[in-house]
Amino acid sequence: MKKTLILLRHGSKNIDDRLVDSGLNHHGRIQSKTVVSFYLERFSQKHPDLVSSERLRCQETLVPMSERLGVDVQIDPHLTEQKTNESHQDFVQRMLRFKKGFEDSENPVTVACTHGDWIPLFTDLTIKKMIHPGYVGWIELVYEDEKYELQHFEVSVFQ
């Protein structure tokens, strides 16, 4: 089955206190609203899997899409940025577990909101190219016949 994985980097984050997972700032909340219309312009599939890192900024980025499509956001710890005490090898293994879960899923479209350190490594693992998106950056990977292909890339869907 042909499947699409949309990797979405979270919107602009609140940096008042870097030690607290404080979510999106005002600009990030505006950015997150553009994600819905961008998705609907590109896809007719109205019930994608929506998965998010544990971080509040990723969850908040998917809220407008969740509300508009009536799909709950599922938290997936595999999507969380690299932890301070996590080795590179453990970080990559976590990504590979996410990749396997996506490949085994039934839904033809998955939107995964994650982080700026996660996405380039994952794209390197799947398409042998490190892609560095900006805030609300959008990467569409098509998975078919056990291989990944880059379908579409936007540095940011926010204009």
N, C-alpha and C. Protein backbone atom coordinates (compact mmCIF):
# COMPACT_ATOMS: atom_id res chain seq x y z
N MET A 1 0.84 -1.18 0.00
CA MET A 1 0.00 0.00 0.00
C MET A 1 0.89 1.25 0.00
N LYS A 2 0.55 2.20 -0.84
CA LYS A 2 1.24 3.47 -0.88
C LYS A 2 0.80 4.30 0.32
N LYS A 3 1.77 4.87 1.04
CA LYS A 3 1.47 5.65 2.23
C LYS A 3 2.25 6.96 2.20
N THR A 4 1.71 7.95 2.84
CA THR A 4 2.38 9.25 2.93
C THR A 4 2.64 9.60 4.38
N LEU A 5 3.88 9.99 4.64
CA LEU A 5 4.28 10.48 5.96
C LEU A 5 4.62 11.96 5.80
N ILE A 6 3.88 12.79 6.51
CA ILE A 6 4.15 14.23 6.51
C ILE A 6 4.89 14.54 7.80
N LEU A 7 6.11 15.01 7.66
CA LEU A 7 6.88 15.45 8.81
C LEU A 7 6.70 16.95 8.92
N LEU A 8 6.25 17.38 10.06
CA LEU A 8 5.95 18.79 10.30
C LEU A 8 6.76 19.26 11.49
N ARG A 9 7.54 20.32 11.27
CA ARG A 9 8.24 20.90 12.41
C ARG A 9 7.27 21.82 13.14
N HIS A 10 7.32 21.82 14.45
CA HIS A 10 6.42 22.63 15.27
C HIS A 10 6.54 24.12 14.92
N GLY A 11 5.53 24.87 15.33
CA GLY A 11 5.53 26.32 15.14
C GLY A 11 6.50 27.01 16.09
N SER A 12 6.62 28.31 15.92
CA SER A 12 7.52 29.13 16.72
C SER A 12 7.19 28.99 18.21
N LYS A 13 8.22 28.70 18.99
CA LYS A 13 7.98 28.38 20.40
C LYS A 13 8.21 29.57 21.33
N ASN A 14 7.59 29.49 22.48
CA ASN A 14 7.76 30.47 23.54
C ASN A 14 9.12 30.22 24.18
N ILE A 15 9.97 31.24 24.21
CA ILE A 15 11.31 31.05 24.76
C ILE A 15 11.54 31.86 26.03
N ASP A 16 10.46 32.25 26.70
CA ASP A 16 10.58 33.01 27.95
C ASP A 16 11.39 32.25 28.98
N ASP A 17 11.17 30.96 29.08
CA ASP A 17 11.89 30.11 30.03
C ASP A 17 12.26 28.82 29.31
N ARG A 18 13.50 28.71 28.90
CA ARG A 18 13.95 27.57 28.10
C ARG A 18 13.89 26.24 28.86
N LEU A 19 13.78 26.30 30.19
CA LEU A 19 13.73 25.08 30.98
C LEU A 19 12.32 24.51 31.09
N VAL A 20 11.33 25.28 30.65
CA VAL A 20 9.94 24.87 30.75
C VAL A 20 9.40 24.59 29.35
N ASP A 21 8.64 23.54 29.22
CA ASP A 21 7.98 23.21 27.95
C ASP A 21 6.73 24.08 27.86
N SER A 22 6.93 25.33 27.42
CA SER A 22 5.86 26.31 27.51
C SER A 22 5.02 26.47 26.24
N GLY A 23 5.26 25.67 25.25
CA GLY A 23 4.39 25.68 24.08
C GLY A 23 4.72 26.75 23.07
N LEU A 24 3.74 27.04 22.22
CA LEU A 24 3.91 28.01 21.14
C LEU A 24 3.76 29.44 21.64
N ASN A 25 4.44 30.35 20.96
CA ASN A 25 4.20 31.76 21.22
C ASN A 25 3.05 32.23 20.31
N HIS A 26 2.72 33.51 20.35
CA HIS A 26 1.60 34.03 19.55
C HIS A 26 1.81 33.75 18.07
N HIS A 27 3.00 34.00 17.58
CA HIS A 27 3.30 33.76 16.17
C HIS A 27 3.16 32.28 15.82
N GLY A 28 3.60 31.42 16.71
CA GLY A 28 3.48 29.97 16.50
C GLY A 28 2.03 29.50 16.42
N ARG A 29 1.15 30.12 17.21
CA ARG A 29 -0.27 29.77 17.15
C ARG A 29 -0.88 30.19 15.81
N ILE A 30 -0.45 31.32 15.29
CA ILE A 30 -0.91 31.76 13.96
C ILE A 30 -0.38 30.79 12.90
N GLN A 31 0.90 30.43 13.01
CA GLN A 31 1.50 29.49 12.06
C GLN A 31 0.74 28.17 12.03
N SER A 32 0.35 27.68 13.20
CA SER A 32 -0.30 26.37 13.28
C SER A 32 -1.62 26.34 12.52
N LYS A 33 -2.28 27.48 12.41
CA LYS A 33 -3.55 27.53 11.68
C LYS A 33 -3.35 27.37 10.17
N THR A 34 -2.18 27.74 9.66
CA THR A 34 -1.92 27.59 8.23
C THR A 34 -1.74 26.13 7.84
N VAL A 35 -1.38 25.30 8.80
CA VAL A 35 -1.14 23.88 8.53
C VAL A 35 -2.41 23.20 8.00
N VAL A 36 -3.55 23.54 8.58
CA VAL A 36 -4.82 22.91 8.19
C VAL A 36 -5.14 23.19 6.73
N SER A 37 -5.10 24.45 6.34
CA SER A 37 -5.45 24.79 4.96
C SER A 37 -4.44 24.20 3.99
N PHE A 38 -3.17 24.18 4.36
CA PHE A 38 -2.15 23.59 3.49
C PHE A 38 -2.42 22.10 3.30
N TYR A 39 -2.76 21.42 4.38
CA TYR A 39 -3.09 19.99 4.29
C TYR A 39 -4.29 19.77 3.36
N LEU A 40 -5.36 20.53 3.58
CA LEU A 40 -6.59 20.33 2.81
C LEU A 40 -6.42 20.66 1.33
N GLU A 41 -5.50 21.56 0.99
CA GLU A 41 -5.19 21.84 -0.42
C GLU A 41 -4.52 20.65 -1.09
N ARG A 42 -3.80 19.86 -0.33
CA ARG A 42 -2.98 18.79 -0.90
C ARG A 42 -3.61 17.40 -0.78
N PHE A 43 -4.51 17.20 0.20
CA PHE A 43 -5.02 15.86 0.47
C PHE A 43 -6.54 15.83 0.59
N SER A 44 -7.11 14.76 0.05
CA SER A 44 -8.55 14.55 0.23
C SER A 44 -8.81 13.64 1.44
N GLN A 45 -7.79 12.95 1.91
CA GLN A 45 -7.90 12.06 3.07
C GLN A 45 -8.21 12.91 4.31
N LYS A 46 -9.43 12.81 4.80
CA LYS A 46 -9.87 13.67 5.90
C LYS A 46 -9.56 13.12 7.29
N HIS A 47 -9.07 11.92 7.37
CA HIS A 47 -8.79 11.32 8.69
C HIS A 47 -7.38 10.75 8.75
N PRO A 48 -6.38 11.63 8.66
CA PRO A 48 -5.01 11.13 8.79
C PRO A 48 -4.73 10.76 10.25
N ASP A 49 -3.71 9.96 10.46
CA ASP A 49 -3.20 9.79 11.81
C ASP A 49 -2.44 11.07 12.15
N LEU A 50 -2.73 11.66 13.29
CA LEU A 50 -2.00 12.83 13.78
C LEU A 50 -1.19 12.38 14.98
N VAL A 51 0.13 12.46 14.86
CA VAL A 51 1.00 12.04 15.95
C VAL A 51 1.95 13.18 16.30
N SER A 52 2.25 13.29 17.57
CA SER A 52 3.04 14.41 18.06
C SER A 52 4.08 13.96 19.06
N SER A 53 5.16 14.69 19.07
CA SER A 53 6.13 14.60 20.15
C SER A 53 5.41 14.90 21.47
N GLU A 54 6.03 14.53 22.54
CA GLU A 54 5.48 14.83 23.87
C GLU A 54 5.49 16.32 24.19
N ARG A 55 6.31 17.09 23.49
CA ARG A 55 6.47 18.51 23.79
C ARG A 55 5.21 19.29 23.43
N LEU A 56 4.83 20.19 24.30
CA LEU A 56 3.62 20.97 24.15
C LEU A 56 3.59 21.74 22.83
N ARG A 57 4.72 22.27 22.39
CA ARG A 57 4.74 23.05 21.15
C ARG A 57 4.34 22.22 19.94
N CYS A 58 4.67 20.93 19.94
CA CYS A 58 4.26 20.05 18.84
C CYS A 58 2.77 19.75 18.94
N GLN A 59 2.31 19.45 20.12
CA GLN A 59 0.88 19.17 20.30
C GLN A 59 0.05 20.38 19.89
N GLU A 60 0.45 21.58 20.31
CA GLU A 60 -0.29 22.79 19.98
C GLU A 60 -0.26 23.08 18.48
N THR A 61 0.80 22.70 17.80
CA THR A 61 0.88 22.91 16.35
C THR A 61 -0.20 22.10 15.63
N LEU A 62 -0.54 20.93 16.17
CA LEU A 62 -1.53 20.07 15.53
C LEU A 62 -2.97 20.33 15.98
N VAL A 63 -3.17 21.15 17.01
CA VAL A 63 -4.52 21.37 17.53
C VAL A 63 -5.50 21.89 16.47
N PRO A 64 -5.17 22.92 15.69
CA PRO A 64 -6.15 23.38 14.69
C PRO A 64 -6.52 22.28 13.69
N MET A 65 -5.57 21.47 13.29
CA MET A 65 -5.85 20.37 12.36
C MET A 65 -6.73 19.33 13.03
N SER A 66 -6.43 19.01 14.26
CA SER A 66 -7.22 18.05 15.02
C SER A 66 -8.67 18.51 15.14
N GLU A 67 -8.85 19.77 15.49
CA GLU A 67 -10.20 20.31 15.66
C GLU A 67 -10.96 20.33 14.33
N ARG A 68 -10.30 20.75 13.27
CA ARG A 68 -10.96 20.87 11.96
C ARG A 68 -11.34 19.51 11.38
N LEU A 69 -10.44 18.53 11.53
CA LEU A 69 -10.67 17.21 10.94
C LEU A 69 -11.38 16.24 11.88
N GLY A 70 -11.50 16.61 13.15
CA GLY A 70 -12.14 15.73 14.12
C GLY A 70 -11.32 14.48 14.41
N VAL A 71 -10.00 14.65 14.40
CA VAL A 71 -9.08 13.53 14.65
C VAL A 71 -8.25 13.87 15.88
N ASP A 72 -8.16 12.93 16.82
CA ASP A 72 -7.36 13.16 18.02
C ASP A 72 -5.86 13.09 17.70
N VAL A 73 -5.10 13.87 18.44
CA VAL A 73 -3.64 13.83 18.34
C VAL A 73 -3.14 12.74 19.28
N GLN A 74 -2.34 11.84 18.74
CA GLN A 74 -1.73 10.77 19.54
C GLN A 74 -0.30 11.20 19.90
N ILE A 75 0.06 11.03 21.15
CA ILE A 75 1.41 11.38 21.60
C ILE A 75 2.31 10.18 21.35
N ASP A 76 3.44 10.44 20.71
CA ASP A 76 4.40 9.38 20.42
C ASP A 76 5.78 9.81 20.92
N PRO A 77 6.28 9.21 21.99
CA PRO A 77 7.58 9.60 22.55
C PRO A 77 8.75 9.37 21.59
N HIS A 78 8.55 8.57 20.55
CA HIS A 78 9.62 8.37 19.56
C HIS A 78 9.93 9.65 18.80
N LEU A 79 9.00 10.60 18.78
CA LEU A 79 9.16 11.84 18.03
C LEU A 79 9.83 12.96 18.82
N THR A 80 10.10 12.74 20.08
CA THR A 80 10.69 13.78 20.93
C THR A 80 12.13 14.04 20.53
N GLU A 81 12.52 15.30 20.66
CA GLU A 81 13.89 15.69 20.32
C GLU A 81 14.89 14.88 21.14
N GLN A 82 16.15 14.91 20.72
CA GLN A 82 17.18 14.14 21.43
C GLN A 82 17.33 14.67 22.84
N LYS A 83 17.31 13.75 23.77
CA LYS A 83 17.43 14.11 25.18
C LYS A 83 18.91 14.34 25.53
N THR A 84 19.15 15.14 26.54
CA THR A 84 20.50 15.52 26.92
C THR A 84 21.39 14.30 27.18
N ASN A 85 20.85 13.31 27.86
CA ASN A 85 21.65 12.13 28.22
C ASN A 85 21.49 10.97 27.23
N GLU A 86 20.89 11.22 26.07
CA GLU A 86 20.64 10.16 25.09
C GLU A 86 21.75 10.13 24.06
N SER A 87 22.33 8.97 23.84
CA SER A 87 23.38 8.84 22.84
C SER A 87 22.79 8.98 21.44
N HIS A 88 23.65 9.30 20.48
CA HIS A 88 23.20 9.40 19.09
C HIS A 88 22.60 8.07 18.63
N GLN A 89 23.25 6.98 19.00
CA GLN A 89 22.77 5.65 18.62
C GLN A 89 21.37 5.37 19.18
N ASP A 90 21.13 5.73 20.43
CA ASP A 90 19.81 5.53 21.03
C ASP A 90 18.76 6.41 20.36
N PHE A 91 19.16 7.64 19.99
CA PHE A 91 18.27 8.56 19.30
C PHE A 91 17.85 7.96 17.95
N VAL A 92 18.80 7.45 17.21
CA VAL A 92 18.52 6.83 15.91
C VAL A 92 17.64 5.59 16.08
N GLN A 93 17.90 4.79 17.09
CA GLN A 93 17.08 3.60 17.33
C GLN A 93 15.63 3.98 17.61
N ARG A 94 15.45 5.08 18.31
CA ARG A 94 14.10 5.57 18.59
C ARG A 94 13.39 5.96 17.28
N MET A 95 14.12 6.61 16.40
CA MET A 95 13.56 6.97 15.09
C MET A 95 13.19 5.73 14.29
N LEU A 96 14.04 4.72 14.35
CA LEU A 96 13.77 3.49 13.61
C LEU A 96 12.52 2.79 14.14
N ARG A 97 12.27 2.90 15.44
CA ARG A 97 11.04 2.32 15.99
C ARG A 97 9.82 3.10 15.49
N PHE A 98 9.94 4.42 15.39
CA PHE A 98 8.84 5.21 14.82
C PHE A 98 8.62 4.79 13.35
N LYS A 99 9.68 4.68 12.61
CA LYS A 99 9.61 4.31 11.19
C LYS A 99 8.89 2.97 11.02
N LYS A 100 9.22 2.00 11.82
CA LYS A 100 8.58 0.68 11.75
C LYS A 100 7.09 0.79 12.07
N GLY A 101 6.75 1.57 13.09
CA GLY A 101 5.34 1.77 13.45
C GLY A 101 4.56 2.42 12.32
N PHE A 102 5.16 3.42 11.67
CA PHE A 102 4.50 4.05 10.52
C PHE A 102 4.29 3.05 9.40
N GLU A 103 5.31 2.29 9.09
CA GLU A 103 5.23 1.33 7.98
C GLU A 103 4.17 0.26 8.24
N ASP A 104 3.97 -0.09 9.50
CA ASP A 104 2.99 -1.12 9.86
C ASP A 104 1.57 -0.57 10.05
N SER A 105 1.42 0.74 10.08
CA SER A 105 0.09 1.32 10.34
C SER A 105 -0.84 1.11 9.15
N GLU A 106 -2.13 1.19 9.43
CA GLU A 106 -3.16 0.96 8.41
C GLU A 106 -3.53 2.23 7.64
N ASN A 107 -3.35 3.39 8.26
CA ASN A 107 -3.78 4.64 7.65
C ASN A 107 -2.84 5.03 6.51
N PRO A 108 -3.36 5.45 5.36
CA PRO A 108 -2.50 5.83 4.25
C PRO A 108 -1.81 7.19 4.43
N VAL A 109 -2.26 8.00 5.39
CA VAL A 109 -1.65 9.31 5.62
C VAL A 109 -1.40 9.50 7.12
N THR A 110 -0.17 9.89 7.44
CA THR A 110 0.21 10.21 8.82
C THR A 110 0.88 11.57 8.83
N VAL A 111 0.45 12.42 9.75
CA VAL A 111 1.09 13.72 9.98
C VAL A 111 1.79 13.61 11.32
N ALA A 112 3.11 13.80 11.31
CA ALA A 112 3.91 13.67 12.53
C ALA A 112 4.58 15.01 12.83
N CYS A 113 4.25 15.60 13.97
CA CYS A 113 4.84 16.87 14.36
C CYS A 113 6.00 16.60 15.32
N THR A 114 7.17 17.10 14.94
CA THR A 114 8.38 16.81 15.69
C THR A 114 9.31 18.03 15.68
N HIS A 115 10.61 17.79 15.77
CA HIS A 115 11.58 18.85 16.07
C HIS A 115 12.67 19.00 15.01
N GLY A 116 13.34 20.14 15.10
CA GLY A 116 14.39 20.48 14.15
C GLY A 116 15.62 19.59 14.19
N ASP A 117 15.85 18.88 15.27
CA ASP A 117 16.98 17.94 15.29
C ASP A 117 16.55 16.56 14.80
N TRP A 118 15.29 16.23 14.94
CA TRP A 118 14.76 14.91 14.59
C TRP A 118 14.61 14.75 13.08
N ILE A 119 14.04 15.76 12.44
CA ILE A 119 13.68 15.66 11.03
C ILE A 119 14.89 15.41 10.11
N PRO A 120 15.98 16.17 10.21
CA PRO A 120 17.10 15.92 9.29
C PRO A 120 17.69 14.51 9.41
N LEU A 121 17.76 14.01 10.63
CA LEU A 121 18.29 12.65 10.80
C LEU A 121 17.34 11.60 10.22
N PHE A 122 16.04 11.82 10.42
CA PHE A 122 15.06 10.87 9.89
C PHE A 122 15.07 10.87 8.36
N THR A 123 15.14 12.06 7.76
CA THR A 123 15.17 12.10 6.29
C THR A 123 16.47 11.50 5.76
N ASP A 124 17.54 11.65 6.50
CA ASP A 124 18.80 11.01 6.09
C ASP A 124 18.67 9.48 6.14
N LEU A 125 17.98 8.98 7.16
CA LEU A 125 17.77 7.54 7.28
C LEU A 125 16.88 6.98 6.16
N THR A 126 15.91 7.77 5.72
CA THR A 126 14.90 7.26 4.78
C THR A 126 15.19 7.59 3.32
N ILE A 127 15.68 8.80 3.05
CA ILE A 127 15.91 9.20 1.65
C ILE A 127 17.35 9.62 1.39
N LYS A 128 18.21 9.42 2.38
CA LYS A 128 19.64 9.73 2.25
C LYS A 128 19.90 11.20 1.95
N LYS A 129 19.06 12.06 2.56
CA LYS A 129 19.21 13.50 2.39
C LYS A 129 18.75 14.18 3.66
N MET A 130 19.64 15.00 4.24
CA MET A 130 19.25 15.74 5.45
C MET A 130 18.49 16.99 5.04
N ILE A 131 17.24 17.08 5.48
CA ILE A 131 16.40 18.24 5.18
C ILE A 131 16.17 19.00 6.48
N HIS A 132 16.44 20.30 6.43
CA HIS A 132 16.33 21.17 7.61
C HIS A 132 15.18 22.16 7.42
N PRO A 133 13.99 21.83 7.91
CA PRO A 133 12.86 22.75 7.74
C PRO A 133 12.88 23.88 8.76
N GLY A 134 12.21 24.98 8.41
CA GLY A 134 11.99 26.06 9.37
C GLY A 134 10.77 25.72 10.21
N TYR A 135 10.34 26.70 11.02
CA TYR A 135 9.12 26.49 11.80
C TYR A 135 7.96 26.20 10.85
N VAL A 136 7.12 25.28 11.21
CA VAL A 136 6.03 24.72 10.41
C VAL A 136 6.49 24.31 9.02
N GLY A 137 7.72 23.79 8.97
CA GLY A 137 8.23 23.21 7.73
C GLY A 137 7.51 21.90 7.45
N TRP A 138 7.33 21.58 6.19
CA TRP A 138 6.49 20.47 5.73
C TRP A 138 7.29 19.59 4.80
N ILE A 139 7.40 18.32 5.13
CA ILE A 139 8.10 17.35 4.28
C ILE A 139 7.17 16.17 4.06
N GLU A 140 6.87 15.88 2.80
CA GLU A 140 6.04 14.72 2.45
C GLU A 140 6.94 13.61 1.93
N LEU A 141 6.89 12.49 2.61
CA LEU A 141 7.60 11.30 2.16
C LEU A 141 6.57 10.26 1.76
N VAL A 142 6.76 9.68 0.59
CA VAL A 142 5.89 8.59 0.15
C VAL A 142 6.63 7.29 0.39
N TYR A 143 5.93 6.35 1.00
CA TYR A 143 6.48 5.03 1.28
C TYR A 143 5.71 4.01 0.45
N GLU A 144 6.43 3.31 -0.42
CA GLU A 144 5.81 2.28 -1.26
C GLU A 144 6.90 1.29 -1.67
N ASP A 145 6.52 0.04 -1.73
CA ASP A 145 7.45 -1.03 -2.10
C ASP A 145 8.73 -0.99 -1.27
N GLU A 146 8.55 -0.76 0.03
CA GLU A 146 9.62 -0.77 1.02
C GLU A 146 10.70 0.29 0.79
N LYS A 147 10.32 1.40 0.13
CA LYS A 147 11.27 2.50 -0.01
C LYS A 147 10.55 3.83 0.14
N TYR A 148 11.33 4.83 0.53
CA TYR A 148 10.82 6.18 0.73
C TYR A 148 11.28 7.08 -0.42
N GLU A 149 10.39 8.05 -0.74
CA GLU A 149 10.72 9.03 -1.77
C GLU A 149 10.20 10.38 -1.32
N LEU A 150 11.00 11.42 -1.54
CA LEU A 150 10.55 12.78 -1.22
C LEU A 150 9.52 13.21 -2.24
N GLN A 151 8.32 13.55 -1.75
CA GLN A 151 7.23 13.98 -2.62
C GLN A 151 7.13 15.50 -2.69
N HIS A 152 7.31 16.15 -1.53
CA HIS A 152 7.13 17.60 -1.48
C HIS A 152 7.86 18.15 -0.27
N PHE A 153 8.43 19.36 -0.40
CA PHE A 153 9.10 20.00 0.70
C PHE A 153 8.80 21.49 0.69
N GLU A 154 8.38 22.01 1.83
CA GLU A 154 8.20 23.45 2.03
C GLU A 154 9.01 23.82 3.27
N VAL A 155 9.90 24.80 3.13
CA VAL A 155 10.68 25.24 4.29
C VAL A 155 9.74 25.65 5.43
N SER A 156 8.63 26.29 5.04
CA SER A 156 7.58 26.66 5.99
C SER A 156 6.28 26.83 5.23
N VAL A 157 5.17 26.35 5.79
CA VAL A 157 3.88 26.53 5.14
C VAL A 157 3.26 27.88 5.50
N PHE A 158 3.94 28.62 6.37
CA PHE A 158 3.45 29.95 6.79
C PHE A 158 3.98 30.98 5.82
N GLN A 159 3.09 31.74 5.22
CA GLN A 159 3.50 32.76 4.24
C GLN A 159 3.60 34.11 4.89
